[in-house]
Amino acid sequence: MTSFVVHRNGRPATVAELAPLAFAGYAHFTAMQVRGGRVRGLDLHLERLRVASVRMFGRALPDERVRSCLRAAIGAGPADLSLTATLYSPTAGFTPDGVMAEPEVLVRTGPAVSGPPGPLTLTTVEYERALPAVKHVGEVAKTYFVRRAVEQGFDDAVFVDRRGRLSEATIWNLAFWDGTSVVWPEADMLGGTTMGIVRRRLDRLGVPQRTREITLADLPGLAGAVVMNSWTPGVAVHRIGGVSLPEAPSFVELLHRAHRDEPLTSP
């Protein structure tokens, strides 16, 4: 079985069902890698969807209903794949009027991804996302800034807020190494599911972690940096703006080890 799918509410979506969504933008989503029909951090993905639905729609679907939609899409494809689950309101869009209907579920699957090999270079951009704690759709700035970064000779871009703090990259969370501890940046950002997996597994491994504000001026004092997302728990970063950083292979391997320790579960 090698096909990939687009499902709406657990069934193959029709053109008529998808057409209105081409002009809609009030939705949120989570993205995951499926291996052998199973997922790491399923509880974190479900929590993300539940919390964001309450924030955006005033209500959330039961976890079991979301899981049934995930199962249907995974069962219709190969054992290893990428999956994006989007929740949207069929009555919302560019208007404050009316009571929002119950959210609906759109699931898309595609080829499995493992992320770039790295190391990466990141330019800096002063930018703060709207509703940073929600993984919402329609963020044109992410694609815009990564394209600008490539035009400037970088691989991607990292965001710096109005206070000069590094927060996140375009589609990535940031993590740093100070030689003894994993350092997470303190700023308004989207807390990724991979980030959540790694943090709880590092706790179990007894690896020190801390959260602090990090500016460009702090980078020379750090011993390594990575980006992470649903593709990978760590890709080395060897330059941010004009500051070079050690590639720190042992740090990258530590993050990958922590991620591997998270069990795969079936939806």
C-alpha atoms as a PDB file:
ATOM      1  CA  MET A   1       0.000   0.000   0.000  1.00  0.00           C
ATOM      2  CA  THR A   2       1.656   3.231  -1.165  1.00  0.00           C
ATOM      3  CA  SER A   3      -1.175   5.740  -1.432  1.00  0.00           C
ATOM      4  CA  PHE A   4      -1.620   8.887   0.648  1.00  0.00           C
ATOM      5  CA  VAL A   5      -4.929  10.438   1.623  1.00  0.00           C
ATOM      6  CA  VAL A   6      -6.912  13.528   2.478  1.00  0.00           C
ATOM      7  CA  HIS A   7      -9.729  12.718   4.901  1.00  0.00           C
ATOM      8  CA  ARG A   8     -12.499  14.874   6.324  1.00  0.00           C
ATOM      9  CA  ASN A   9     -14.004  13.623   9.575  1.00  0.00           C
ATOM     10  CA  GLY A  10     -12.520  10.154   9.070  1.00  0.00           C
ATOM     11  CA  ARG A  11     -13.597   9.616   5.441  1.00  0.00           C
ATOM     12  CA  PRO A  12     -12.004  10.399   2.058  1.00  0.00           C
ATOM     13  CA  ALA A  13     -12.683  14.067   1.301  1.00  0.00           C
ATOM     14  CA  THR A  14     -14.501  15.040  -1.871  1.00  0.00           C
ATOM     15  CA  VAL A  15     -13.721  17.991  -4.129  1.00  0.00           C
ATOM     16  CA  ALA A  16     -16.980  19.621  -3.058  1.00  0.00           C
ATOM     17  CA  GLU A  17     -15.946  19.359   0.598  1.00  0.00           C
ATOM     18  CA  LEU A  18     -12.445  20.681   0.008  1.00  0.00           C
ATOM     19  CA  ALA A  19     -13.328  23.565  -2.317  1.00  0.00           C
ATOM     20  CA  PRO A  20     -14.645  25.925   0.419  1.00  0.00           C
ATOM     21  CA  LEU A  21     -11.496  25.315   2.471  1.00  0.00           C
ATOM     22  CA  ALA A  22      -9.350  26.825  -0.274  1.00  0.00           C
ATOM     23  CA  PHE A  23     -10.748  30.207   0.788  1.00  0.00           C
ATOM     24  CA  ALA A  24     -10.825  29.606   4.554  1.00  0.00           C
ATOM     25  CA  GLY A  25      -8.108  30.359   7.063  1.00  0.00           C
ATOM     26  CA  TYR A  26      -9.459  30.025  10.606  1.00  0.00           C
ATOM     27  CA  ALA A  27      -7.942  26.737  11.679  1.00  0.00           C
ATOM     28  CA  HIS A  28      -5.153  25.132  13.661  1.00  0.00           C
ATOM     29  CA  PHE A  29      -3.204  21.915  13.232  1.00  0.00           C
ATOM     30  CA  THR A  30      -0.572  19.501  14.461  1.00  0.00           C
ATOM     31  CA  ALA A  31       2.009  17.644  12.392  1.00  0.00           C
ATOM     32  CA  MET A  32       3.581  14.294  13.177  1.00  0.00           C
ATOM     33  CA  GLN A  33       5.720  11.518  11.791  1.00  0.00           C
ATOM     34  CA  VAL A  34       4.153   8.057  11.751  1.00  0.00           C
ATOM     35  CA  ARG A  35       6.450   5.034  11.906  1.00  0.00           C
ATOM     36  CA  GLY A  36       5.078   1.522  11.664  1.00  0.00           C
ATOM     37  CA  GLY A  37       1.589   2.966  12.018  1.00  0.00           C
ATOM     38  CA  ARG A  38       2.474   4.504  15.390  1.00  0.00           C
ATOM     39  CA  VAL A  39       3.315   7.966  16.736  1.00  0.00           C
ATOM     40  CA  ARG A  40       5.563   9.434  19.431  1.00  0.00           C
ATOM     41  CA  GLY A  41       3.987  11.901  21.833  1.00  0.00           C
ATOM     42  CA  LEU A  42       0.396  11.224  20.820  1.00  0.00           C
ATOM     43  CA  ASP A  43      -0.810  12.678  24.110  1.00  0.00           C
ATOM     44  CA  LEU A  44       0.982  15.953  23.330  1.00  0.00           C
ATOM     45  CA  HIS A  45      -0.588  16.175  19.879  1.00  0.00           C
ATOM     46  CA  LEU A  46      -4.061  15.569  21.289  1.00  0.00           C
ATOM     47  CA  GLU A  47      -3.507  18.133  24.027  1.00  0.00           C
ATOM     48  CA  ARG A  48      -2.315  20.695  21.476  1.00  0.00           C
ATOM     49  CA  LEU A  49      -5.460  20.224  19.379  1.00  0.00           C
ATOM     50  CA  ARG A  50      -7.738  20.282  22.400  1.00  0.00           C
ATOM     51  CA  VAL A  51      -6.293  23.454  23.926  1.00  0.00           C
ATOM     52  CA  ALA A  52      -6.140  25.302  20.609  1.00  0.00           C
ATOM     53  CA  SER A  53      -9.729  24.360  19.759  1.00  0.00           C
ATOM     54  CA  VAL A  54     -10.995  25.805  23.033  1.00  0.00           C
ATOM     55  CA  ARG A  55      -8.934  28.947  22.415  1.00  0.00           C
ATOM     56  CA  MET A  56     -10.121  29.445  18.833  1.00  0.00           C
ATOM     57  CA  PHE A  57     -13.568  27.836  18.703  1.00  0.00           C
ATOM     58  CA  GLY A  58     -14.726  27.808  22.310  1.00  0.00           C
ATOM     59  CA  ARG A  59     -15.054  24.038  22.262  1.00  0.00           C
ATOM     60  CA  ALA A  60     -13.014  20.929  21.536  1.00  0.00           C
ATOM     61  CA  LEU A  61     -13.737  17.508  20.091  1.00  0.00           C
ATOM     62  CA  PRO A  62     -13.372  14.438  22.308  1.00  0.00           C
ATOM     63  CA  ASP A  63      -9.897  12.924  21.981  1.00  0.00           C
ATOM     64  CA  GLU A  64     -11.343   9.606  20.844  1.00  0.00           C
ATOM     65  CA  ARG A  65     -13.049  11.229  17.876  1.00  0.00           C
ATOM     66  CA  VAL A  66      -9.780  12.832  16.794  1.00  0.00           C
ATOM     67  CA  ARG A  67      -7.955   9.536  17.288  1.00  0.00           C
ATOM     68  CA  SER A  68     -10.480   7.725  15.104  1.00  0.00           C
ATOM     69  CA  CYS A  69      -9.774  10.197  12.296  1.00  0.00           C
ATOM     70  CA  LEU A  70      -6.043   9.644  12.712  1.00  0.00           C
ATOM     71  CA  ARG A  71      -6.513   5.869  12.639  1.00  0.00           C
ATOM     72  CA  ALA A  72      -8.553   6.028   9.445  1.00  0.00           C
ATOM     73  CA  ALA A  73      -5.924   8.085   7.629  1.00  0.00           C
ATOM     74  CA  ILE A  74      -3.003   6.006   8.890  1.00  0.00           C
ATOM     75  CA  GLY A  75      -4.780   2.781   7.963  1.00  0.00           C
ATOM     76  CA  ALA A  76      -5.270   3.994   4.379  1.00  0.00           C
ATOM     77  CA  GLY A  77      -1.553   4.620   3.769  1.00  0.00           C
ATOM     78  CA  PRO A  78       1.872   3.016   4.154  1.00  0.00           C
ATOM     79  CA  ALA A  79       3.260   2.208   7.581  1.00  0.00           C
ATOM     80  CA  ASP A  80       5.671   5.165   7.524  1.00  0.00           C
ATOM     81  CA  LEU A  81       4.309   8.585   6.612  1.00  0.00           C
ATOM     82  CA  SER A  82       3.915  12.241   7.550  1.00  0.00           C
ATOM     83  CA  LEU A  83       0.531  13.327   8.885  1.00  0.00           C
ATOM     84  CA  THR A  84      -1.066  16.717   9.399  1.00  0.00           C
ATOM     85  CA  ALA A  85      -4.318  16.971  11.359  1.00  0.00           C
ATOM     86  CA  THR A  86      -6.158  20.278  10.971  1.00  0.00           C
ATOM     87  CA  LEU A  87      -9.180  21.350  12.990  1.00  0.00           C
ATOM     88  CA  TYR A  88     -11.409  24.063  11.581  1.00  0.00           C
ATOM     89  CA  SER A  89     -14.832  25.567  12.104  1.00  0.00           C
ATOM     90  CA  PRO A  90     -17.123  25.319   9.065  1.00  0.00           C
ATOM     91  CA  THR A  91     -18.914  28.528  10.095  1.00  0.00           C
ATOM     92  CA  ALA A  92     -15.955  30.765  10.950  1.00  0.00           C
ATOM     93  CA  GLY A  93     -14.156  33.129   8.634  1.00  0.00           C
ATOM     94  CA  PHE A  94     -13.653  36.890   8.449  1.00  0.00           C
ATOM     95  CA  THR A  95     -16.678  37.699  10.581  1.00  0.00           C
ATOM     96  CA  PRO A  96     -17.363  38.098  14.314  1.00  0.00           C
ATOM     97  CA  ASP A  97     -20.984  37.051  13.943  1.00  0.00           C
ATOM     98  CA  GLY A  98     -22.662  33.815  14.886  1.00  0.00           C
ATOM     99  CA  VAL A  99     -21.917  30.889  17.153  1.00  0.00           C
ATOM    100  CA  MET A 100     -19.161  28.624  15.936  1.00  0.00           C
ATOM    101  CA  ALA A 101     -20.150  25.119  14.959  1.00  0.00           C
ATOM    102  CA  GLU A 102     -18.395  22.042  16.275  1.00  0.00           C
ATOM    103  CA  PRO A 103     -14.882  21.777  14.793  1.00  0.00           C
ATOM    104  CA  GLU A 104     -14.293  19.399  11.912  1.00  0.00           C
ATOM    105  CA  VAL A 105     -11.166  17.343  11.252  1.00  0.00           C
ATOM    106  CA  LEU A 106      -9.099  17.403   8.081  1.00  0.00           C
ATOM    107  CA  VAL A 107      -6.240  14.885   7.905  1.00  0.00           C
ATOM    108  CA  ARG A 108      -3.618  14.765   5.185  1.00  0.00           C
ATOM    109  CA  THR A 109      -0.868  12.171   4.832  1.00  0.00           C
ATOM    110  CA  GLY A 110       2.272  12.214   2.722  1.00  0.00           C
ATOM    111  CA  PRO A 111       5.767  10.725   2.459  1.00  0.00           C
ATOM    112  CA  ALA A 112       7.745  10.269   5.666  1.00  0.00           C
ATOM    113  CA  VAL A 113      10.328  12.985   6.380  1.00  0.00           C
ATOM    114  CA  SER A 114      13.417  12.996   8.601  1.00  0.00           C
ATOM    115  CA  GLY A 115      14.658  16.580   8.239  1.00  0.00           C
ATOM    116  CA  PRO A 116      17.825  18.065   6.711  1.00  0.00           C
ATOM    117  CA  PRO A 117      21.276  16.741   7.718  1.00  0.00           C
ATOM    118  CA  GLY A 118      22.683  20.120   8.793  1.00  0.00           C
ATOM    119  CA  PRO A 119      24.560  21.912  10.114  1.00  0.00           C
ATOM    120  CA  LEU A 120      22.444  24.954   9.321  1.00  0.00           C
ATOM    121  CA  THR A 121      23.012  28.683   9.171  1.00  0.00           C
ATOM    122  CA  LEU A 122      20.220  30.967  10.389  1.00  0.00           C
ATOM    123  CA  THR A 123      19.721  34.639   9.686  1.00  0.00           C
ATOM    124  CA  THR A 124      17.888  36.733  12.275  1.00  0.00           C
ATOM    125  CA  VAL A 125      14.561  38.487  11.735  1.00  0.00           C
ATOM    126  CA  GLU A 126      12.730  40.764  14.145  1.00  0.00           C
ATOM    127  CA  TYR A 127       9.306  39.149  14.208  1.00  0.00           C
ATOM    128  CA  GLU A 128       6.636  38.009  16.680  1.00  0.00           C
ATOM    129  CA  ARG A 129       3.873  35.623  15.639  1.00  0.00           C
ATOM    130  CA  ALA A 130       0.226  36.313  16.409  1.00  0.00           C
ATOM    131  CA  LEU A 131      -1.189  33.820  18.925  1.00  0.00           C
ATOM    132  CA  PRO A 132       2.269  32.294  19.354  1.00  0.00           C
ATOM    133  CA  ALA A 133       1.046  29.449  21.562  1.00  0.00           C
ATOM    134  CA  VAL A 134      -1.304  28.165  18.810  1.00  0.00           C
ATOM    135  CA  LYS A 135      -0.110  26.259  15.743  1.00  0.00           C
ATOM    136  CA  HIS A 136      -2.502  28.016  13.380  1.00  0.00           C
ATOM    137  CA  VAL A 137      -2.649  28.009   9.598  1.00  0.00           C
ATOM    138  CA  GLY A 138      -1.985  30.763   7.103  1.00  0.00           C
ATOM    139  CA  GLU A 139       1.333  32.001   8.487  1.00  0.00           C
ATOM    140  CA  VAL A 140       2.703  33.533   5.317  1.00  0.00           C
ATOM    141  CA  ALA A 141       5.599  35.105   7.234  1.00  0.00           C
ATOM    142  CA  LYS A 142       7.250  31.736   7.808  1.00  0.00           C
ATOM    143  CA  THR A 143       7.609  30.978   4.109  1.00  0.00           C
ATOM    144  CA  TYR A 144       8.449  34.588   3.313  1.00  0.00           C
ATOM    145  CA  PHE A 145      11.293  34.745   5.824  1.00  0.00           C
ATOM    146  CA  VAL A 146      12.817  31.386   4.932  1.00  0.00           C
ATOM    147  CA  ARG A 147      12.896  32.390   1.267  1.00  0.00           C
ATOM    148  CA  ARG A 148      14.506  35.696   2.155  1.00  0.00           C
ATOM    149  CA  ALA A 149      17.051  33.813   4.263  1.00  0.00           C
ATOM    150  CA  VAL A 150      18.012  31.557   1.358  1.00  0.00           C
ATOM    151  CA  GLU A 151      18.360  34.594  -0.911  1.00  0.00           C
ATOM    152  CA  GLN A 152      20.852  35.992   1.617  1.00  0.00           C
ATOM    153  CA  GLY A 153      22.904  32.783   1.673  1.00  0.00           C
ATOM    154  CA  PHE A 154      21.428  31.251   4.846  1.00  0.00           C
ATOM    155  CA  ASP A 155      19.467  28.021   5.275  1.00  0.00           C
ATOM    156  CA  ASP A 156      16.635  29.446   7.377  1.00  0.00           C
ATOM    157  CA  ALA A 157      15.661  32.250   9.741  1.00  0.00           C
ATOM    158  CA  VAL A 158      15.337  32.640  13.506  1.00  0.00           C
ATOM    159  CA  PHE A 159      12.962  35.123  15.120  1.00  0.00           C
ATOM    160  CA  VAL A 160      14.060  37.828  17.546  1.00  0.00           C
ATOM    161  CA  ASP A 161      11.352  39.611  19.538  1.00  0.00           C
ATOM    162  CA  ARG A 162      11.110  43.320  20.360  1.00  0.00           C
ATOM    163  CA  ARG A 163      13.140  42.723  23.524  1.00  0.00           C
ATOM    164  CA  GLY A 164      15.998  41.186  21.566  1.00  0.00           C
ATOM    165  CA  ARG A 165      15.241  37.604  22.710  1.00  0.00           C
ATOM    166  CA  LEU A 166      15.596  34.629  20.401  1.00  0.00           C
ATOM    167  CA  SER A 167      12.296  32.742  20.384  1.00  0.00           C
ATOM    168  CA  GLU A 168      11.972  30.181  17.590  1.00  0.00           C
ATOM    169  CA  ALA A 169      12.839  29.623  13.944  1.00  0.00           C
ATOM    170  CA  THR A 170      10.375  29.610  11.037  1.00  0.00           C
ATOM    171  CA  ILE A 171       9.115  26.047  11.527  1.00  0.00           C
ATOM    172  CA  TRP A 172      11.434  25.002  14.337  1.00  0.00           C
ATOM    173  CA  ASN A 173      11.986  25.241  18.066  1.00  0.00           C
ATOM    174  CA  LEU A 174      15.449  26.194  19.295  1.00  0.00           C
ATOM    175  CA  ALA A 175      17.569  24.438  21.921  1.00  0.00           C
ATOM    176  CA  PHE A 176      21.048  25.312  23.159  1.00  0.00           C
ATOM    177  CA  TRP A 177      23.845  23.576  25.055  1.00  0.00           C
ATOM    178  CA  ASP A 178      25.988  25.329  27.653  1.00  0.00           C
ATOM    179  CA  GLY A 179      28.357  22.420  28.200  1.00  0.00           C
ATOM    180  CA  THR A 180      26.411  20.802  31.028  1.00  0.00           C
ATOM    181  CA  SER A 181      22.725  21.694  30.546  1.00  0.00           C
ATOM    182  CA  VAL A 182      20.167  21.929  27.768  1.00  0.00           C
ATOM    183  CA  VAL A 183      19.024  25.554  27.588  1.00  0.00           C
ATOM    184  CA  TRP A 184      15.575  26.455  26.253  1.00  0.00           C
ATOM    185  CA  PRO A 185      14.916  30.058  25.180  1.00  0.00           C
ATOM    186  CA  GLU A 186      12.458  32.072  27.232  1.00  0.00           C
ATOM    187  CA  ALA A 187      10.110  34.076  24.978  1.00  0.00           C
ATOM    188  CA  ASP A 188       6.597  33.886  23.559  1.00  0.00           C
ATOM    189  CA  MET A 189       6.641  30.953  21.155  1.00  0.00           C
ATOM    190  CA  LEU A 190       4.925  27.758  20.071  1.00  0.00           C
ATOM    191  CA  GLY A 191       5.937  24.883  22.315  1.00  0.00           C
ATOM    192  CA  GLY A 192       6.499  22.011  19.886  1.00  0.00           C
ATOM    193  CA  THR A 193       5.439  18.421  20.497  1.00  0.00           C
ATOM    194  CA  THR A 194       8.962  17.195  19.750  1.00  0.00           C
ATOM    195  CA  MET A 195      10.234  19.760  22.231  1.00  0.00           C
ATOM    196  CA  GLY A 196       7.793  18.363  24.799  1.00  0.00           C
ATOM    197  CA  ILE A 197       8.907  14.794  24.118  1.00  0.00           C
ATOM    198  CA  VAL A 198      12.580  15.674  24.441  1.00  0.00           C
ATOM    199  CA  ARG A 199      12.080  17.673  27.635  1.00  0.00           C
ATOM    200  CA  ARG A 200      10.279  14.916  29.490  1.00  0.00           C
ATOM    201  CA  ARG A 201      12.710  12.259  28.299  1.00  0.00           C
ATOM    202  CA  LEU A 202      15.716  14.360  29.311  1.00  0.00           C
ATOM    203  CA  ASP A 203      14.143  14.591  32.771  1.00  0.00           C
ATOM    204  CA  ARG A 204      14.012  10.797  32.930  1.00  0.00           C
ATOM    205  CA  LEU A 205      17.633  10.581  31.800  1.00  0.00           C
ATOM    206  CA  GLY A 206      18.642  13.007  34.520  1.00  0.00           C
ATOM    207  CA  VAL A 207      19.992  15.596  32.093  1.00  0.00           C
ATOM    208  CA  PRO A 208      19.963  19.149  33.513  1.00  0.00           C
ATOM    209  CA  GLN A 209      17.685  21.618  31.739  1.00  0.00           C
ATOM    210  CA  ARG A 210      16.986  25.276  32.262  1.00  0.00           C
ATOM    211  CA  THR A 211      15.051  28.073  30.600  1.00  0.00           C
ATOM    212  CA  ARG A 212      16.498  31.571  30.194  1.00  0.00           C
ATOM    213  CA  GLU A 213      16.322  34.575  27.951  1.00  0.00           C
ATOM    214  CA  ILE A 214      18.864  34.277  25.137  1.00  0.00           C
ATOM    215  CA  THR A 215      20.003  37.192  22.989  1.00  0.00           C
ATOM    216  CA  LEU A 216      22.542  37.382  20.200  1.00  0.00           C
ATOM    217  CA  ALA A 217      25.061  38.691  22.719  1.00  0.00           C
ATOM    218  CA  ASP A 218      24.696  35.443  24.715  1.00  0.00           C
ATOM    219  CA  LEU A 219      25.534  33.120  21.812  1.00  0.00           C
ATOM    220  CA  PRO A 220      29.351  33.221  22.070  1.00  0.00           C
ATOM    221  CA  GLY A 221      29.055  31.787  25.590  1.00  0.00           C
ATOM    222  CA  LEU A 222      27.101  28.712  24.440  1.00  0.00           C
ATOM    223  CA  ALA A 223      28.549  25.376  23.354  1.00  0.00           C
ATOM    224  CA  GLY A 224      26.016  24.359  20.713  1.00  0.00           C
ATOM    225  CA  ALA A 225      22.590  24.940  19.185  1.00  0.00           C
ATOM    226  CA  VAL A 226      19.977  22.938  17.308  1.00  0.00           C
ATOM    227  CA  VAL A 227      16.599  23.311  15.704  1.00  0.00           C
ATOM    228  CA  MET A 228      13.885  20.671  16.137  1.00  0.00           C
ATOM    229  CA  ASN A 229      10.381  19.966  14.897  1.00  0.00           C
ATOM    230  CA  SER A 230       8.174  16.997  14.028  1.00  0.00           C
ATOM    231  CA  TRP A 231      10.749  15.882  11.458  1.00  0.00           C
ATOM    232  CA  THR A 232      13.675  15.543  13.845  1.00  0.00           C
ATOM    233  CA  PRO A 233      14.684  16.121  17.485  1.00  0.00           C
ATOM    234  CA  GLY A 234      17.821  17.970  16.504  1.00  0.00           C
ATOM    235  CA  VAL A 235      19.685  19.460  13.539  1.00  0.00           C
ATOM    236  CA  ALA A 236      22.921  21.221  14.398  1.00  0.00           C
ATOM    237  CA  VAL A 237      23.126  24.996  13.884  1.00  0.00           C
ATOM    238  CA  HIS A 238      26.644  26.347  13.376  1.00  0.00           C
ATOM    239  CA  ARG A 239      25.849  30.014  12.762  1.00  0.00           C
ATOM    240  CA  ILE A 240      23.128  32.436  13.836  1.00  0.00           C
ATOM    241  CA  GLY A 241      23.482  35.802  12.157  1.00  0.00           C
ATOM    242  CA  GLY A 242      27.186  36.631  12.393  1.00  0.00           C
ATOM    243  CA  VAL A 243      27.884  34.367  15.395  1.00  0.00           C
ATOM    244  CA  SER A 244      29.455  30.928  14.882  1.00  0.00           C
ATOM    245  CA  LEU A 245      28.565  28.059  17.204  1.00  0.00           C
ATOM    246  CA  PRO A 246      30.208  24.644  17.762  1.00  0.00           C
ATOM    247  CA  GLU A 247      28.371  21.809  16.009  1.00  0.00           C
ATOM    248  CA  ALA A 248      28.359  19.802  19.283  1.00  0.00           C
ATOM    249  CA  PRO A 249      27.662  16.289  17.896  1.00  0.00           C
ATOM    250  CA  SER A 250      27.345  14.835  21.405  1.00  0.00           C
ATOM    251  CA  PHE A 251      24.577  17.350  22.163  1.00  0.00           C
ATOM    252  CA  VAL A 252      22.729  16.430  18.964  1.00  0.00           C
ATOM    253  CA  GLU A 253      23.050  12.724  19.759  1.00  0.00           C
ATOM    254  CA  LEU A 254      21.754  13.322  23.292  1.00  0.00           C
ATOM    255  CA  LEU A 255      18.583  14.880  21.910  1.00  0.00           C
ATOM    256  CA  HIS A 256      18.127  12.057  19.407  1.00  0.00           C
ATOM    257  CA  ARG A 257      18.640   9.499  22.172  1.00  0.00           C
ATOM    258  CA  ALA A 258      16.026  11.212  24.331  1.00  0.00           C
ATOM    259  CA  HIS A 259      13.579  11.201  21.433  1.00  0.00           C
ATOM    260  CA  ARG A 260      14.204   7.514  20.692  1.00  0.00           C
ATOM    261  CA  ASP A 261      13.396   6.705  24.320  1.00  0.00           C
ATOM    262  CA  GLU A 262       9.816   7.949  23.819  1.00  0.00           C
ATOM    263  CA  PRO A 263       7.642   4.932  22.976  1.00  0.00           C
ATOM    264  CA  LEU A 264       5.647   4.780  19.786  1.00  0.00           C
ATOM    265  CA  THR A 265       1.903   4.406  20.379  1.00  0.00           C
ATOM    266  CA  SER A 266      -1.061   3.671  18.149  1.00  0.00           C
ATOM    267  CA  PRO A 267      -3.817   6.313  17.851  1.00  0.00           C
END
